[in-house]
Amino acid sequence: MHTFRSRALLVVLILLISLNAPAQQKQFRALLVTTTRGFHHESQHAGVLAIQELANKHYFEVKLFKDPNSFTDKNLEGFQLVIFLNTTGDIFDSAQQQVMERFIQAGKGFVGIHSASDTEYDWEWYTKLVGRMFHIHPQIQTAKLNILDPSFPGLTGFAPPRLWTDEWYEFGPEKTTGLNYILAVDENSYNPKADWGQRKGVGMGKLHPIAWYHTYDGGRSFYTNLGHMPTDFSDQAFLDHLYAGIFWAATGKK
């Protein structure tokens, strides 16, 4: 009887300790922005689920941005990273833009996925944060990928000869200096020409980058062109690539 009571008391004591113990802190917190003021990508839902799963796997916290009024300095204090997932158009007012600028200037990070480069063209600071902005794209095609910087993690799944099907953006000129290109598409492996009437595309030539990172205005920025296709977000190569960018932007560590 005494043994049974002792065991019961021990179980109760363990439960009390576990209930009162502080929750283990996650690696970092990320705010996921999916606001669109233009084209809405079918892959957005798959992207949200994939990033939430990455958070579970790699032990960081991700919160979906829903209330526009919540984008304030105070509410962003606990975050280390803002992710723009297939955003389009002018999504922030001037006050929110200033919040975002202060966030990066405080040494924090940004990740832009696919059409994040088709967002906020008139916000010069943001265009420099992204690095290059979307100009045009041809029809969706399969093409070969080239790794430009194998020292950046998360690229082994793209080792040549790797074929990938996506919406290959042709980008405008660099908006800032110091862009570190890590992944490119081989224009010899697909037709880069596009004609949208007043806007035309002929490709970017020998160097057609589709992913890069850089430091900017006190913080960090990572961008990838991949992510148009819903199937991208179930491909392990892309998920490894995406998490490497998320981790670097949030922590500054490769």
Protein backbone atom coordinates (compact mmCIF):
# COMPACT_ATOMS: atom_id res chain seq x y z
CA MET A 1 0.00 0.00 0.00
CA HIS A 2 2.79 2.40 0.94
CA THR A 3 4.57 1.61 -2.34
CA PHE A 4 1.40 2.36 -4.34
CA ARG A 5 0.90 5.67 -2.52
CA SER A 6 4.52 6.63 -3.06
CA ARG A 7 4.26 5.96 -6.78
CA ALA A 8 1.02 7.92 -7.01
CA LEU A 9 2.58 10.87 -5.22
CA LEU A 10 5.58 10.71 -7.54
CA VAL A 11 3.32 10.76 -10.60
CA VAL A 12 1.41 13.76 -9.23
CA LEU A 13 4.67 15.55 -8.45
CA ILE A 14 6.00 14.96 -11.98
CA LEU A 15 2.74 16.24 -13.47
CA LEU A 16 2.86 19.38 -11.33
CA ILE A 17 6.45 20.07 -12.33
CA SER A 18 5.69 19.57 -16.03
CA LEU A 19 2.62 21.81 -15.88
CA ASN A 20 4.53 24.61 -14.18
CA ALA A 21 7.69 24.30 -16.24
CA PRO A 22 8.17 27.09 -18.80
CA ALA A 23 7.56 26.12 -22.43
CA GLN A 24 10.74 25.52 -24.39
CA GLN A 25 11.45 28.50 -26.62
CA LYS A 26 11.33 27.97 -30.37
CA GLN A 27 14.36 28.89 -32.52
CA PHE A 28 12.71 32.03 -33.89
CA ARG A 29 9.33 33.50 -34.84
CA ALA A 30 8.22 34.28 -38.39
CA LEU A 31 5.27 36.30 -39.62
CA LEU A 32 3.81 34.91 -42.86
CA VAL A 33 2.22 37.53 -45.17
CA THR A 34 0.06 36.31 -48.08
CA THR A 35 -1.80 39.52 -48.97
CA THR A 36 -2.57 40.03 -52.67
CA ARG A 37 -3.78 43.09 -54.54
CA GLY A 38 -3.56 41.48 -57.95
CA PHE A 39 -3.02 37.95 -59.25
CA HIS A 40 -3.75 35.24 -56.68
CA HIS A 41 -1.54 32.17 -57.00
CA GLU A 42 -3.09 28.73 -56.71
CA SER A 43 0.03 27.62 -54.86
CA GLN A 44 -0.56 29.99 -51.96
CA HIS A 45 -2.57 27.52 -49.87
CA ALA A 46 0.00 24.78 -50.44
CA GLY A 47 2.71 27.27 -49.49
CA VAL A 48 1.09 28.16 -46.18
CA LEU A 49 0.72 24.49 -45.25
CA ALA A 50 4.31 23.73 -46.29
CA ILE A 51 5.78 26.58 -44.25
CA GLN A 52 3.72 25.54 -41.24
CA GLU A 53 5.10 22.02 -41.64
CA LEU A 54 8.64 23.41 -41.94
CA ALA A 55 8.02 25.24 -38.66
CA ASN A 56 6.98 22.00 -36.99
CA LYS A 57 9.94 20.09 -38.40
CA HIS A 58 12.58 22.70 -37.65
CA TYR A 59 11.13 23.99 -34.39
CA PHE A 60 10.34 27.59 -35.19
CA GLU A 61 7.05 29.44 -34.84
CA VAL A 62 5.11 30.83 -37.79
CA LYS A 63 2.07 33.07 -37.49
CA LEU A 64 -0.21 33.86 -40.42
CA PHE A 65 -0.76 37.59 -40.94
CA LYS A 66 -4.53 38.21 -41.07
CA ASP A 67 -5.39 41.55 -39.47
CA PRO A 68 -3.90 44.54 -41.39
CA ASN A 69 -4.14 46.65 -38.24
CA SER A 70 -1.81 44.26 -36.42
CA PHE A 71 1.26 45.22 -38.49
CA THR A 72 2.72 47.54 -35.85
CA ASP A 73 6.08 47.97 -34.16
CA LYS A 74 4.72 46.54 -30.93
CA ASN A 75 3.20 43.44 -32.51
CA LEU A 76 6.37 42.70 -34.48
CA GLU A 77 8.68 42.95 -31.46
CA GLY A 78 8.70 39.20 -30.88
CA PHE A 79 9.38 38.25 -34.51
CA GLN A 80 12.76 37.76 -36.17
CA LEU A 81 11.46 37.29 -39.72
CA VAL A 82 8.75 38.42 -42.14
CA ILE A 83 7.94 36.11 -45.08
CA PHE A 84 6.13 37.38 -48.19
CA LEU A 85 4.52 34.32 -49.83
CA ASN A 86 3.25 35.08 -53.35
CA THR A 87 2.16 38.58 -52.42
CA THR A 88 1.17 40.93 -55.26
CA GLY A 89 0.48 44.63 -55.72
CA ASP A 90 0.48 47.40 -53.12
CA ILE A 91 -0.27 45.61 -49.88
CA PHE A 92 0.97 48.06 -47.22
CA ASP A 93 0.03 51.66 -46.51
CA SER A 94 2.70 54.24 -45.63
CA ALA A 95 2.52 53.56 -41.90
CA GLN A 96 2.96 49.81 -42.41
CA GLN A 97 5.85 50.45 -44.78
CA GLN A 98 7.63 52.41 -42.07
CA VAL A 99 7.04 49.56 -39.62
CA MET A 100 8.62 47.15 -42.08
CA GLU A 101 11.62 49.44 -42.60
CA ARG A 102 12.22 49.74 -38.87
CA PHE A 103 11.89 45.96 -38.51
CA ILE A 104 14.72 45.33 -40.99
CA GLN A 105 16.80 48.22 -39.63
CA ALA A 106 16.64 46.51 -36.23
CA GLY A 107 18.71 43.66 -37.69
CA LYS A 108 15.89 41.28 -38.60
CA GLY A 109 15.08 39.31 -41.74
CA PHE A 110 12.90 39.07 -44.84
CA VAL A 111 12.12 36.17 -47.18
CA GLY A 112 10.40 36.76 -50.51
CA ILE A 113 8.85 33.84 -52.38
CA HIS A 114 8.04 34.03 -56.11
CA SER A 115 5.71 37.01 -56.68
CA ALA A 116 7.10 38.89 -53.70
CA SER A 117 9.09 40.54 -56.51
CA ASP A 118 5.76 41.54 -58.10
CA THR A 119 4.83 43.58 -55.04
CA GLU A 120 5.14 47.24 -54.02
CA TYR A 121 6.92 48.58 -57.14
CA ASP A 122 6.49 52.18 -55.98
CA TRP A 123 8.10 51.55 -52.60
CA GLU A 124 11.76 52.10 -53.47
CA TRP A 125 13.06 50.80 -50.14
CA TYR A 126 11.20 47.53 -50.68
CA THR A 127 12.52 47.05 -54.21
CA LYS A 128 16.04 47.31 -52.79
CA LEU A 129 15.12 44.85 -50.05
CA VAL A 130 14.03 42.29 -52.65
CA GLY A 131 16.98 43.15 -54.90
CA ARG A 132 15.38 42.77 -58.33
CA MET A 133 11.77 43.15 -59.45
CA PHE A 134 9.63 41.05 -61.77
CA HIS A 135 9.42 42.26 -65.38
CA ILE A 136 7.73 39.49 -67.39
CA HIS A 137 7.58 35.73 -67.75
CA PRO A 138 7.05 33.29 -70.62
CA GLN A 139 4.69 30.33 -70.41
CA ILE A 140 5.39 27.71 -67.75
CA GLN A 141 8.15 25.41 -68.98
CA THR A 142 10.62 22.78 -67.86
CA ALA A 143 14.22 24.00 -67.68
CA LYS A 144 17.62 23.10 -66.26
CA LEU A 145 18.85 24.64 -63.02
CA ASN A 146 22.41 25.70 -62.25
CA ILE A 147 23.83 26.09 -58.74
CA LEU A 148 25.88 29.29 -58.56
CA ASP A 149 27.05 29.12 -54.95
CA PRO A 150 27.25 25.61 -53.50
CA SER A 151 28.44 27.05 -50.18
CA PHE A 152 24.92 28.25 -49.42
CA PRO A 153 22.95 25.41 -47.78
CA GLY A 154 19.82 23.77 -49.09
CA LEU A 155 20.87 23.47 -52.74
CA THR A 156 21.98 19.84 -53.01
CA GLY A 157 18.59 18.80 -54.39
CA PHE A 158 19.20 21.01 -57.41
CA ALA A 159 22.52 19.42 -58.33
CA PRO A 160 22.84 19.07 -62.12
CA PRO A 161 21.42 17.73 -64.25
CA ARG A 162 18.22 18.85 -62.47
CA LEU A 163 15.09 19.64 -64.46
CA TRP A 164 12.48 21.90 -62.88
CA THR A 165 9.10 23.11 -64.10
CA ASP A 166 8.06 26.58 -63.01
CA GLU A 167 7.18 30.11 -64.06
CA TRP A 168 10.55 31.62 -64.92
CA TYR A 169 10.60 35.31 -64.12
CA GLU A 170 12.65 37.71 -66.16
CA PHE A 171 13.83 40.37 -63.73
CA GLY A 172 14.58 44.02 -64.16
CA PRO A 173 17.96 45.53 -63.25
CA GLU A 174 19.50 45.22 -59.81
CA LYS A 175 17.98 47.68 -57.38
CA THR A 176 20.92 47.51 -55.02
CA THR A 177 24.47 46.23 -54.83
CA GLY A 178 25.79 43.16 -53.08
CA LEU A 179 23.30 40.55 -54.28
CA ASN A 180 24.69 37.05 -53.75
CA TYR A 181 23.28 34.82 -56.48
CA ILE A 182 22.95 31.16 -55.52
CA LEU A 183 20.67 29.57 -58.15
CA ALA A 184 20.05 30.21 -61.86
CA VAL A 185 17.98 28.85 -64.73
CA ASP A 186 19.63 27.86 -68.00
CA GLU A 187 17.98 29.88 -70.78
CA ASN A 188 19.35 27.44 -73.37
CA SER A 189 17.05 24.79 -71.94
CA TYR A 190 13.74 26.66 -72.49
CA ASN A 191 12.25 29.50 -74.52
CA PRO A 192 12.53 32.73 -72.48
CA LYS A 193 10.71 34.96 -74.98
CA ALA A 194 7.42 36.57 -73.94
CA ASP A 195 5.17 39.16 -75.56
CA TRP A 196 2.51 40.97 -73.53
CA GLY A 197 1.95 43.76 -76.02
CA GLN A 198 3.62 46.83 -74.57
CA ARG A 199 5.82 44.64 -72.37
CA LYS A 200 8.15 42.11 -73.97
CA GLY A 201 10.78 39.70 -72.74
CA VAL A 202 13.78 38.16 -74.44
CA GLY A 203 15.47 36.58 -71.44
CA MET A 204 18.37 37.70 -69.28
CA GLY A 205 21.23 36.06 -71.13
CA LYS A 206 24.04 33.93 -69.77
CA LEU A 207 23.27 34.77 -66.14
CA HIS A 208 19.60 34.37 -65.27
CA PRO A 209 19.45 34.27 -61.45
CA ILE A 210 16.38 32.94 -59.70
CA ALA A 211 17.51 32.96 -56.06
CA TRP A 212 19.79 35.24 -54.07
CA TYR A 213 20.45 36.73 -50.64
CA HIS A 214 22.02 39.91 -49.31
CA THR A 215 22.30 42.17 -46.28
CA TYR A 216 20.35 45.39 -46.52
CA ASP A 217 19.76 48.41 -44.29
CA GLY A 218 20.89 46.59 -41.17
CA GLY A 219 18.99 43.36 -41.83
CA ARG A 220 18.91 40.33 -44.13
CA SER A 221 16.94 39.44 -47.26
CA PHE A 222 16.51 36.15 -49.15
CA TYR A 223 14.53 35.75 -52.36
CA THR A 224 13.57 32.77 -54.53
CA ASN A 225 11.69 32.80 -57.84
CA LEU A 226 10.47 29.25 -57.29
CA GLY A 227 7.04 28.68 -55.80
CA HIS A 228 4.54 29.31 -58.60
CA MET A 229 3.51 25.67 -58.86
CA PRO A 230 1.55 24.07 -55.99
CA THR A 231 3.71 20.97 -56.45
CA ASP A 232 6.83 23.01 -55.57
CA PHE A 233 5.74 22.96 -51.94
CA SER A 234 5.76 19.16 -51.78
CA ASP A 235 9.19 18.78 -53.38
CA GLN A 236 11.91 18.15 -50.82
CA ALA A 237 14.55 19.97 -52.88
CA PHE A 238 12.50 23.16 -52.82
CA LEU A 239 11.61 22.78 -49.14
CA ASP A 240 15.31 22.41 -48.26
CA HIS A 241 16.10 25.49 -50.37
CA LEU A 242 13.31 27.47 -48.76
CA TYR A 243 14.23 26.56 -45.20
CA ALA A 244 17.88 27.42 -45.80
CA GLY A 245 16.76 30.90 -46.82
CA ILE A 246 14.35 31.20 -43.90
CA PHE A 247 17.01 30.10 -41.41
CA TRP A 248 19.64 32.49 -42.77
CA ALA A 249 17.25 35.46 -42.91
CA ALA A 250 16.04 34.82 -39.35
CA THR A 251 19.40 34.10 -37.73
CA GLY A 252 22.19 35.23 -40.04
CA LYS A 253 23.59 31.69 -39.92
CA LYS A 254 24.23 29.43 -42.92
